């Protein structure tokens, strides 16, 4: 049994609508008209033999068939980008200045940047890790791209994924039972630092700052020794640390959104890296 070949232009329009939850915003993103985007999605639905989106006066959403196709559509677009990049822009030269959170710089970014480097070996990425709130003020001047964290549902930038903030402690020591509670945190400007203090104050839990460092590795080393607890993202939590919950007497923490911020004017190498990272992170999120 033969199947129709899905058109990549149609898939691109579908992914844009799925991400923006709006035909109007998707059209603006792709620099096309709203009617063109609508026609492309309808053509894709005919090719797929299924309704992919439901439309109402309030919103646009994915049908079950649309949810299934979205993951494959992203993969197909990434493979298309990699193939064309390898053939057409393999020799493209330049540099990209990337700002990223410390934990992402240690765990999430290295394999993604390695994959990008295989496609574009002459594009050099200068990555700086640290408090991204400070980096956003230097976007365009010191950075081409910044991947930063915001309270869920807030902040500008392109949504990449949602992360849950969690409390962690050492494997065996019980720092969470100390009074006042010793906490190890990043310096002022860190969203998790503020959330930790606010949550403990709201729970009337006495606390003290036992350790402060820009280095997440240093914070985690202190926590591992049972000298303090800290707050990390659930997706990047080291296996050697123990997750704490309300059952351990720790107050609940809110989720955060990770978003990509682009400088107003981007060179071609930065555009390619932005497309590579957004596609890879969204695929990983859905996998």
C-alpha atoms as a PDB file:
ATOM      1  CA  UNK A   1       0.000   0.000   0.000  1.00  0.00           C
ATOM      2  CA  UNK A   2       1.446   3.352  -1.058  1.00  0.00           C
ATOM      3  CA  UNK A   3       1.052   6.549   0.946  1.00  0.00           C
ATOM      4  CA  UNK A   4       1.109  10.166  -0.236  1.00  0.00           C
ATOM      5  CA  UNK A   5       4.343  12.095   0.356  1.00  0.00           C
ATOM      6  CA  UNK A   6       3.850  14.809   2.935  1.00  0.00           C
ATOM      7  CA  UNK A   7       4.883  18.252   1.718  1.00  0.00           C
ATOM      8  CA  UNK A   8       7.431  19.987   3.946  1.00  0.00           C
ATOM      9  CA  UNK A   9       5.987  23.459   3.297  1.00  0.00           C
ATOM     10  CA  UNK A  10       2.628  22.204   4.525  1.00  0.00           C
ATOM     11  CA  UNK A  11       4.240  20.609   7.563  1.00  0.00           C
ATOM     12  CA  UNK A  12       6.035  23.878   8.346  1.00  0.00           C
ATOM     13  CA  UNK A  13       2.729  25.759   8.264  1.00  0.00           C
ATOM     14  CA  UNK A  14       1.099  23.122  10.483  1.00  0.00           C
ATOM     15  CA  UNK A  15       3.926  23.247  13.056  1.00  0.00           C
ATOM     16  CA  UNK A  16       3.780  27.047  13.140  1.00  0.00           C
ATOM     17  CA  UNK A  17       0.039  27.008  13.832  1.00  0.00           C
ATOM     18  CA  UNK A  18       0.482  24.288  16.466  1.00  0.00           C
ATOM     19  CA  UNK A  19       3.190  26.322  18.225  1.00  0.00           C
ATOM     20  CA  UNK A  20       1.417  29.680  17.999  1.00  0.00           C
ATOM     21  CA  UNK A  21      -2.127  28.309  18.540  1.00  0.00           C
ATOM     22  CA  UNK A  22      -3.157  30.942  16.008  1.00  0.00           C
ATOM     23  CA  UNK A  23      -3.300  31.180  12.217  1.00  0.00           C
ATOM     24  CA  UNK A  24      -2.630  34.914  12.418  1.00  0.00           C
ATOM     25  CA  UNK A  25       0.512  34.579  14.544  1.00  0.00           C
ATOM     26  CA  UNK A  26       1.713  31.621  12.462  1.00  0.00           C
ATOM     27  CA  UNK A  27       1.310  33.686   9.296  1.00  0.00           C
ATOM     28  CA  UNK A  28       3.346  36.494  10.827  1.00  0.00           C
ATOM     29  CA  UNK A  29       6.066  34.061  11.914  1.00  0.00           C
ATOM     30  CA  UNK A  30       6.370  32.570   8.410  1.00  0.00           C
ATOM     31  CA  UNK A  31       5.842  35.892   6.623  1.00  0.00           C
ATOM     32  CA  UNK A  32       2.798  34.567   4.787  1.00  0.00           C
ATOM     33  CA  UNK A  33      -0.851  35.565   4.684  1.00  0.00           C
ATOM     34  CA  UNK A  34      -3.375  34.009   7.043  1.00  0.00           C
ATOM     35  CA  UNK A  35      -5.386  32.635   4.118  1.00  0.00           C
ATOM     36  CA  UNK A  36      -2.250  30.977   2.705  1.00  0.00           C
ATOM     37  CA  UNK A  37      -1.525  29.280   6.028  1.00  0.00           C
ATOM     38  CA  UNK A  38      -5.146  28.111   6.295  1.00  0.00           C
ATOM     39  CA  UNK A  39      -5.062  26.660   2.778  1.00  0.00           C
ATOM     40  CA  UNK A  40      -1.774  24.877   3.462  1.00  0.00           C
ATOM     41  CA  UNK A  41      -3.139  23.251   6.617  1.00  0.00           C
ATOM     42  CA  UNK A  42      -6.251  22.132   4.737  1.00  0.00           C
ATOM     43  CA  UNK A  43      -4.081  20.615   1.999  1.00  0.00           C
ATOM     44  CA  UNK A  44      -2.050  18.780   4.642  1.00  0.00           C
ATOM     45  CA  UNK A  45      -5.244  17.448   6.237  1.00  0.00           C
ATOM     46  CA  UNK A  46      -6.299  16.101   2.846  1.00  0.00           C
ATOM     47  CA  UNK A  47      -2.898  14.446   2.386  1.00  0.00           C
ATOM     48  CA  UNK A  48      -2.984  12.987   5.899  1.00  0.00           C
ATOM     49  CA  UNK A  49      -6.603  11.915   5.590  1.00  0.00           C
ATOM     50  CA  UNK A  50      -7.409  13.297   9.028  1.00  0.00           C
ATOM     51  CA  UNK A  51      -8.432  16.517  10.736  1.00  0.00           C
ATOM     52  CA  UNK A  52      -5.333  17.899  12.463  1.00  0.00           C
ATOM     53  CA  UNK A  53      -6.629  21.083  14.104  1.00  0.00           C
ATOM     54  CA  UNK A  54      -9.858  22.157  15.737  1.00  0.00           C
ATOM     55  CA  UNK A  55     -10.808  25.757  15.303  1.00  0.00           C
ATOM     56  CA  UNK A  56     -13.074  27.924  17.418  1.00  0.00           C
ATOM     57  CA  UNK A  57     -13.587  31.635  17.877  1.00  0.00           C
ATOM     58  CA  UNK A  58     -11.428  31.478  21.003  1.00  0.00           C
ATOM     59  CA  UNK A  59      -8.501  29.266  20.034  1.00  0.00           C
ATOM     60  CA  UNK A  60      -6.868  26.759  17.726  1.00  0.00           C
ATOM     61  CA  UNK A  61      -5.893  23.373  19.131  1.00  0.00           C
ATOM     62  CA  UNK A  62      -4.575  19.988  18.078  1.00  0.00           C
ATOM     63  CA  UNK A  63      -6.803  16.992  17.463  1.00  0.00           C
ATOM     64  CA  UNK A  64      -5.489  13.566  18.547  1.00  0.00           C
ATOM     65  CA  UNK A  65      -4.299  13.003  14.960  1.00  0.00           C
ATOM     66  CA  UNK A  66      -2.610  16.405  15.033  1.00  0.00           C
ATOM     67  CA  UNK A  67      -0.815  15.548  18.277  1.00  0.00           C
ATOM     68  CA  UNK A  68       0.538  12.368  16.684  1.00  0.00           C
ATOM     69  CA  UNK A  69       1.650  14.099  13.498  1.00  0.00           C
ATOM     70  CA  UNK A  70       3.318  17.051  15.249  1.00  0.00           C
ATOM     71  CA  UNK A  71       6.194  14.970  16.596  1.00  0.00           C
ATOM     72  CA  UNK A  72       6.915  13.484  13.163  1.00  0.00           C
ATOM     73  CA  UNK A  73       6.536  16.867  11.472  1.00  0.00           C
ATOM     74  CA  UNK A  74       9.205  18.384  13.710  1.00  0.00           C
ATOM     75  CA  UNK A  75      11.570  15.503  13.010  1.00  0.00           C
ATOM     76  CA  UNK A  76      11.029  15.768   9.267  1.00  0.00           C
ATOM     77  CA  UNK A  77      11.703  19.499   9.284  1.00  0.00           C
ATOM     78  CA  UNK A  78      14.863  19.032  11.347  1.00  0.00           C
ATOM     79  CA  UNK A  79      16.125  16.316   8.997  1.00  0.00           C
ATOM     80  CA  UNK A  80      15.358  18.554   6.040  1.00  0.00           C
ATOM     81  CA  UNK A  81      17.331  21.379   7.659  1.00  0.00           C
ATOM     82  CA  UNK A  82      20.244  19.070   8.408  1.00  0.00           C
ATOM     83  CA  UNK A  83      20.303  17.690   4.855  1.00  0.00           C
ATOM     84  CA  UNK A  84      20.182  21.093   3.196  1.00  0.00           C
ATOM     85  CA  UNK A  85      22.584  22.545   5.705  1.00  0.00           C
ATOM     86  CA  UNK A  86      25.046  19.793   5.000  1.00  0.00           C
ATOM     87  CA  UNK A  87      24.798  20.327   1.249  1.00  0.00           C
ATOM     88  CA  UNK A  88      24.405  24.083   0.942  1.00  0.00           C
ATOM     89  CA  UNK A  89      25.870  25.713   4.032  1.00  0.00           C
ATOM     90  CA  UNK A  90      28.460  23.217   5.152  1.00  0.00           C
ATOM     91  CA  UNK A  91      31.184  25.811   4.565  1.00  0.00           C
ATOM     92  CA  UNK A  92      29.320  28.743   6.123  1.00  0.00           C
ATOM     93  CA  UNK A  93      31.566  30.582   8.549  1.00  0.00           C
ATOM     94  CA  UNK A  94      30.827  32.796  11.518  1.00  0.00           C
ATOM     95  CA  UNK A  95      30.318  32.870  15.259  1.00  0.00           C
ATOM     96  CA  UNK A  96      27.298  32.815  17.534  1.00  0.00           C
ATOM     97  CA  UNK A  97      27.274  34.213  21.070  1.00  0.00           C
ATOM     98  CA  UNK A  98      24.970  32.073  23.211  1.00  0.00           C
ATOM     99  CA  UNK A  99      23.912  32.738  26.801  1.00  0.00           C
ATOM    100  CA  UNK A 100      22.487  29.835  28.756  1.00  0.00           C
ATOM    101  CA  UNK A 101      21.635  28.703  32.269  1.00  0.00           C
ATOM    102  CA  UNK A 102      24.409  26.856  34.094  1.00  0.00           C
ATOM    103  CA  UNK A 103      22.613  23.510  34.338  1.00  0.00           C
ATOM    104  CA  UNK A 104      21.598  23.553  30.675  1.00  0.00           C
ATOM    105  CA  UNK A 105      25.152  24.447  29.766  1.00  0.00           C
ATOM    106  CA  UNK A 106      26.384  21.323  31.553  1.00  0.00           C
ATOM    107  CA  UNK A 107      23.720  18.797  30.536  1.00  0.00           C
ATOM    108  CA  UNK A 108      21.382  19.902  27.745  1.00  0.00           C
ATOM    109  CA  UNK A 109      23.486  22.002  25.386  1.00  0.00           C
ATOM    110  CA  UNK A 110      26.673  19.944  24.781  1.00  0.00           C
ATOM    111  CA  UNK A 111      25.057  17.193  22.640  1.00  0.00           C
ATOM    112  CA  UNK A 112      22.902  19.718  20.773  1.00  0.00           C
ATOM    113  CA  UNK A 113      25.899  21.921  19.971  1.00  0.00           C
ATOM    114  CA  UNK A 114      27.931  18.855  18.963  1.00  0.00           C
ATOM    115  CA  UNK A 115      25.206  17.851  16.494  1.00  0.00           C
ATOM    116  CA  UNK A 116      25.128  21.405  15.122  1.00  0.00           C
ATOM    117  CA  UNK A 117      28.922  21.437  14.751  1.00  0.00           C
ATOM    118  CA  UNK A 118      28.789  18.323  12.564  1.00  0.00           C
ATOM    119  CA  UNK A 119      26.499  20.152  10.116  1.00  0.00           C
ATOM    120  CA  UNK A 120      28.249  23.532  10.309  1.00  0.00           C
ATOM    121  CA  UNK A 121      31.864  22.879  11.334  1.00  0.00           C
ATOM    122  CA  UNK A 122      32.965  26.439  10.513  1.00  0.00           C
ATOM    123  CA  UNK A 123      30.394  28.157  12.739  1.00  0.00           C
ATOM    124  CA  UNK A 124      31.959  28.749  16.134  1.00  0.00           C
ATOM    125  CA  UNK A 125      29.720  28.981  19.174  1.00  0.00           C
ATOM    126  CA  UNK A 126      30.810  31.080  22.140  1.00  0.00           C
ATOM    127  CA  UNK A 127      28.692  29.880  25.050  1.00  0.00           C
ATOM    128  CA  UNK A 128      28.496  31.648  28.399  1.00  0.00           C
ATOM    129  CA  UNK A 129      26.657  30.162  31.365  1.00  0.00           C
ATOM    130  CA  UNK A 130      25.260  31.971  34.377  1.00  0.00           C
ATOM    131  CA  UNK A 131      22.283  34.041  35.478  1.00  0.00           C
ATOM    132  CA  UNK A 132      20.348  34.633  32.291  1.00  0.00           C
ATOM    133  CA  UNK A 133      18.323  37.493  33.788  1.00  0.00           C
ATOM    134  CA  UNK A 134      21.506  39.565  33.578  1.00  0.00           C
ATOM    135  CA  UNK A 135      22.283  38.268  30.094  1.00  0.00           C
ATOM    136  CA  UNK A 136      18.961  39.479  28.705  1.00  0.00           C
ATOM    137  CA  UNK A 137      20.001  43.073  29.350  1.00  0.00           C
ATOM    138  CA  UNK A 138      23.004  42.438  27.076  1.00  0.00           C
ATOM    139  CA  UNK A 139      21.075  40.746  24.262  1.00  0.00           C
ATOM    140  CA  UNK A 140      22.283  42.122  20.952  1.00  0.00           C
ATOM    141  CA  UNK A 141      25.320  43.750  22.532  1.00  0.00           C
ATOM    142  CA  UNK A 142      27.008  40.698  24.059  1.00  0.00           C
ATOM    143  CA  UNK A 143      24.731  37.854  22.975  1.00  0.00           C
ATOM    144  CA  UNK A 144      22.980  36.790  19.786  1.00  0.00           C
ATOM    145  CA  UNK A 145      20.819  34.222  21.585  1.00  0.00           C
ATOM    146  CA  UNK A 146      19.872  33.750  25.226  1.00  0.00           C
ATOM    147  CA  UNK A 147      17.928  30.804  26.613  1.00  0.00           C
ATOM    148  CA  UNK A 148      16.388  32.022  29.861  1.00  0.00           C
ATOM    149  CA  UNK A 149      13.931  30.932  32.524  1.00  0.00           C
ATOM    150  CA  UNK A 150      10.699  32.765  33.407  1.00  0.00           C
ATOM    151  CA  UNK A 151       7.707  32.160  35.675  1.00  0.00           C
ATOM    152  CA  UNK A 152       5.260  29.886  33.848  1.00  0.00           C
ATOM    153  CA  UNK A 153       3.107  31.800  31.396  1.00  0.00           C
ATOM    154  CA  UNK A 154       5.149  34.988  31.681  1.00  0.00           C
ATOM    155  CA  UNK A 155       8.054  36.642  29.910  1.00  0.00           C
ATOM    156  CA  UNK A 156       8.821  37.326  26.291  1.00  0.00           C
ATOM    157  CA  UNK A 157      10.683  34.989  23.962  1.00  0.00           C
ATOM    158  CA  UNK A 158       9.871  31.750  22.177  1.00  0.00           C
ATOM    159  CA  UNK A 159       8.560  29.001  24.454  1.00  0.00           C
ATOM    160  CA  UNK A 160      10.746  25.895  24.424  1.00  0.00           C
ATOM    161  CA  UNK A 161       9.646  23.778  27.373  1.00  0.00           C
ATOM    162  CA  UNK A 162       8.243  23.881  30.897  1.00  0.00           C
ATOM    163  CA  UNK A 163      10.394  22.891  33.868  1.00  0.00           C
ATOM    164  CA  UNK A 164       9.334  21.998  37.401  1.00  0.00           C
ATOM    165  CA  UNK A 165      11.343  23.454  40.272  1.00  0.00           C
ATOM    166  CA  UNK A 166      12.111  20.857  42.950  1.00  0.00           C
ATOM    167  CA  UNK A 167      13.896  20.716  46.296  1.00  0.00           C
ATOM    168  CA  UNK A 168      16.873  18.340  46.578  1.00  0.00           C
ATOM    169  CA  UNK A 169      19.151  17.137  49.344  1.00  0.00           C
ATOM    170  CA  UNK A 170      22.065  14.722  49.767  1.00  0.00           C
ATOM    171  CA  UNK A 171      21.525  10.993  49.430  1.00  0.00           C
ATOM    172  CA  UNK A 172      21.872  10.068  53.086  1.00  0.00           C
ATOM    173  CA  UNK A 173      22.203  13.179  55.209  1.00  0.00           C
ATOM    174  CA  UNK A 174      19.049  14.898  56.353  1.00  0.00           C
ATOM    175  CA  UNK A 175      19.674  18.599  55.945  1.00  0.00           C
ATOM    176  CA  UNK A 176      15.943  19.103  55.440  1.00  0.00           C
ATOM    177  CA  UNK A 177      15.354  18.307  59.126  1.00  0.00           C
ATOM    178  CA  UNK A 178      17.706  21.006  60.443  1.00  0.00           C
ATOM    179  CA  UNK A 179      16.297  24.102  62.103  1.00  0.00           C
ATOM    180  CA  UNK A 180      16.767  26.638  60.710  1.00  0.00           C
ATOM    181  CA  UNK A 181      16.889  24.997  57.283  1.00  0.00           C
ATOM    182  CA  UNK A 182      20.275  25.535  55.559  1.00  0.00           C
ATOM    183  CA  UNK A 183      19.895  26.408  51.869  1.00  0.00           C
ATOM    184  CA  UNK A 184      22.482  26.679  49.107  1.00  0.00           C
ATOM    185  CA  UNK A 185      21.531  29.083  46.327  1.00  0.00           C
ATOM    186  CA  UNK A 186      22.706  31.145  43.377  1.00  0.00           C
ATOM    187  CA  UNK A 187      23.276  34.880  43.870  1.00  0.00           C
ATOM    188  CA  UNK A 188      20.632  37.609  43.612  1.00  0.00           C
ATOM    189  CA  UNK A 189      18.819  37.569  40.281  1.00  0.00           C
ATOM    190  CA  UNK A 190      18.182  33.824  40.219  1.00  0.00           C
ATOM    191  CA  UNK A 191      14.477  32.976  39.914  1.00  0.00           C
ATOM    192  CA  UNK A 192      14.844  29.786  41.958  1.00  0.00           C
ATOM    193  CA  UNK A 193      16.532  31.735  44.765  1.00  0.00           C
ATOM    194  CA  UNK A 194      13.513  34.021  45.063  1.00  0.00           C
ATOM    195  CA  UNK A 195      11.050  31.141  44.855  1.00  0.00           C
ATOM    196  CA  UNK A 196      12.875  29.180  47.558  1.00  0.00           C
ATOM    197  CA  UNK A 197      12.873  32.098  49.997  1.00  0.00           C
ATOM    198  CA  UNK A 198       9.258  33.055  49.245  1.00  0.00           C
ATOM    199  CA  UNK A 199       8.027  29.470  49.630  1.00  0.00           C
ATOM    200  CA  UNK A 200       9.799  28.972  52.956  1.00  0.00           C
ATOM    201  CA  UNK A 201       8.541  32.303  54.290  1.00  0.00           C
ATOM    202  CA  UNK A 202       4.977  31.457  53.218  1.00  0.00           C
ATOM    203  CA  UNK A 203       5.274  28.115  55.034  1.00  0.00           C
ATOM    204  CA  UNK A 204       6.687  29.822  58.159  1.00  0.00           C
ATOM    205  CA  UNK A 205       9.770  27.609  57.884  1.00  0.00           C
ATOM    206  CA  UNK A 206      12.896  29.138  59.469  1.00  0.00           C
ATOM    207  CA  UNK A 207      15.852  29.129  57.080  1.00  0.00           C
ATOM    208  CA  UNK A 208      19.365  30.460  56.625  1.00  0.00           C
ATOM    209  CA  UNK A 209      21.579  30.862  53.577  1.00  0.00           C
ATOM    210  CA  UNK A 210      24.448  28.430  54.077  1.00  0.00           C
ATOM    211  CA  UNK A 211      26.163  28.778  50.698  1.00  0.00           C
ATOM    212  CA  UNK A 212      26.001  31.073  47.655  1.00  0.00           C
ATOM    213  CA  UNK A 213      27.759  30.484  44.338  1.00  0.00           C
ATOM    214  CA  UNK A 214      27.439  31.227  40.633  1.00  0.00           C
ATOM    215  CA  UNK A 215      28.564  27.636  40.057  1.00  0.00           C
ATOM    216  CA  UNK A 216      25.782  25.072  40.135  1.00  0.00           C
ATOM    217  CA  UNK A 217      28.383  22.317  40.479  1.00  0.00           C
ATOM    218  CA  UNK A 218      29.667  23.958  43.664  1.00  0.00           C
ATOM    219  CA  UNK A 219      26.137  24.286  45.061  1.00  0.00           C
ATOM    220  CA  UNK A 220      25.420  20.631  44.295  1.00  0.00           C
ATOM    221  CA  UNK A 221      28.688  19.551  45.965  1.00  0.00           C
ATOM    222  CA  UNK A 222      27.659  21.301  49.196  1.00  0.00           C
ATOM    223  CA  UNK A 223      24.203  19.716  49.039  1.00  0.00           C
ATOM    224  CA  UNK A 224      25.684  16.272  48.378  1.00  0.00           C
ATOM    225  CA  UNK A 225      27.642  16.542  51.618  1.00  0.00           C
ATOM    226  CA  UNK A 226      24.420  17.077  53.559  1.00  0.00           C
ATOM    227  CA  UNK A 227      25.249  20.682  54.437  1.00  0.00           C
ATOM    228  CA  UNK A 228      22.209  22.269  52.780  1.00  0.00           C
ATOM    229  CA  UNK A 229      19.274  21.782  50.441  1.00  0.00           C
ATOM    230  CA  UNK A 230      18.764  23.585  47.148  1.00  0.00           C
ATOM    231  CA  UNK A 231      16.349  23.992  44.230  1.00  0.00           C
ATOM    232  CA  UNK A 232      16.961  22.544  40.760  1.00  0.00           C
ATOM    233  CA  UNK A 233      15.006  21.714  37.610  1.00  0.00           C
ATOM    234  CA  UNK A 234      13.471  18.255  37.600  1.00  0.00           C
ATOM    235  CA  UNK A 235      14.877  17.477  34.123  1.00  0.00           C
ATOM    236  CA  UNK A 236      18.465  18.288  35.081  1.00  0.00           C
ATOM    237  CA  UNK A 237      18.458  16.930  38.639  1.00  0.00           C
ATOM    238  CA  UNK A 238      21.633  14.887  39.262  1.00  0.00           C
ATOM    239  CA  UNK A 239      20.897  11.257  40.110  1.00  0.00           C
ATOM    240  CA  UNK A 240      23.119  11.440  43.173  1.00  0.00           C
ATOM    241  CA  UNK A 241      20.801  14.002  44.802  1.00  0.00           C
ATOM    242  CA  UNK A 242      17.561  13.095  46.553  1.00  0.00           C
ATOM    243  CA  UNK A 243      14.302  14.781  45.578  1.00  0.00           C
ATOM    244  CA  UNK A 244      12.322  16.222  48.484  1.00  0.00           C
ATOM    245  CA  UNK A 245       8.566  16.669  48.596  1.00  0.00           C
ATOM    246  CA  UNK A 246       5.898  18.107  50.865  1.00  0.00           C
ATOM    247  CA  UNK A 247       6.045  14.799  52.737  1.00  0.00           C
ATOM    248  CA  UNK A 248       9.578  15.812  53.741  1.00  0.00           C
ATOM    249  CA  UNK A 249       8.276  19.111  55.055  1.00  0.00           C
ATOM    250  CA  UNK A 250       9.284  21.153  52.015  1.00  0.00           C
ATOM    251  CA  UNK A 251       6.836  23.674  50.510  1.00  0.00           C
ATOM    252  CA  UNK A 252       5.670  23.230  46.906  1.00  0.00           C
ATOM    253  CA  UNK A 253       7.419  25.253  44.190  1.00  0.00           C
ATOM    254  CA  UNK A 254       5.958  26.607  40.930  1.00  0.00           C
ATOM    255  CA  UNK A 255       6.895  25.596  37.366  1.00  0.00           C
ATOM    256  CA  UNK A 256       9.030  27.739  35.068  1.00  0.00           C
ATOM    257  CA  UNK A 257       9.071  28.326  31.309  1.00  0.00           C
ATOM    258  CA  UNK A 258      12.305  28.091  29.349  1.00  0.00           C
ATOM    259  CA  UNK A 259      12.308  30.524  26.418  1.00  0.00           C
ATOM    260  CA  UNK A 260      14.624  31.512  23.600  1.00  0.00           C
ATOM    261  CA  UNK A 261      15.418  35.199  23.164  1.00  0.00           C
ATOM    262  CA  UNK A 262      16.915  36.477  19.905  1.00  0.00           C
ATOM    263  CA  UNK A 263      18.778  39.715  19.268  1.00  0.00           C
ATOM    264  CA  UNK A 264      16.862  42.134  16.999  1.00  0.00           C
ATOM    265  CA  UNK A 265      19.361  41.591  14.172  1.00  0.00           C
ATOM    266  CA  UNK A 266      20.807  38.105  13.717  1.00  0.00           C
ATOM    267  CA  UNK A 267      23.513  36.897  11.337  1.00  0.00           C
ATOM    268  CA  UNK A 268      22.784  33.753   9.352  1.00  0.00           C
ATOM    269  CA  UNK A 269      24.856  31.493  11.670  1.00  0.00           C
ATOM    270  CA  UNK A 270      22.785  32.615  14.696  1.00  0.00           C
ATOM    271  CA  UNK A 271      19.520  32.009  12.827  1.00  0.00           C
ATOM    272  CA  UNK A 272      20.659  28.476  11.984  1.00  0.00           C
ATOM    273  CA  UNK A 273      21.614  27.752  15.588  1.00  0.00           C
ATOM    274  CA  UNK A 274      18.304  29.149  16.875  1.00  0.00           C
ATOM    275  CA  UNK A 275      16.357  26.922  14.485  1.00  0.00           C
ATOM    276  CA  UNK A 276      18.474  23.916  15.422  1.00  0.00           C
ATOM    277  CA  UNK A 277      18.052  24.400  19.184  1.00  0.00           C
ATOM    278  CA  UNK A 278      14.317  25.135  19.125  1.00  0.00           C
ATOM    279  CA  UNK A 279      13.563  22.140  16.931  1.00  0.00           C
ATOM    280  CA  UNK A 280      15.778  19.783  18.944  1.00  0.00           C
ATOM    281  CA  UNK A 281      14.402  20.874  22.338  1.00  0.00           C
ATOM    282  CA  UNK A 282      10.791  20.624  21.204  1.00  0.00           C
ATOM    283  CA  UNK A 283      11.367  17.171  19.731  1.00  0.00           C
ATOM    284  CA  UNK A 284      13.055  16.067  22.971  1.00  0.00           C
ATOM    285  CA  UNK A 285      10.130  17.421  24.969  1.00  0.00           C
ATOM    286  CA  UNK A 286       7.602  15.402  22.960  1.00  0.00           C
ATOM    287  CA  UNK A 287       9.662  12.202  22.775  1.00  0.00           C
END
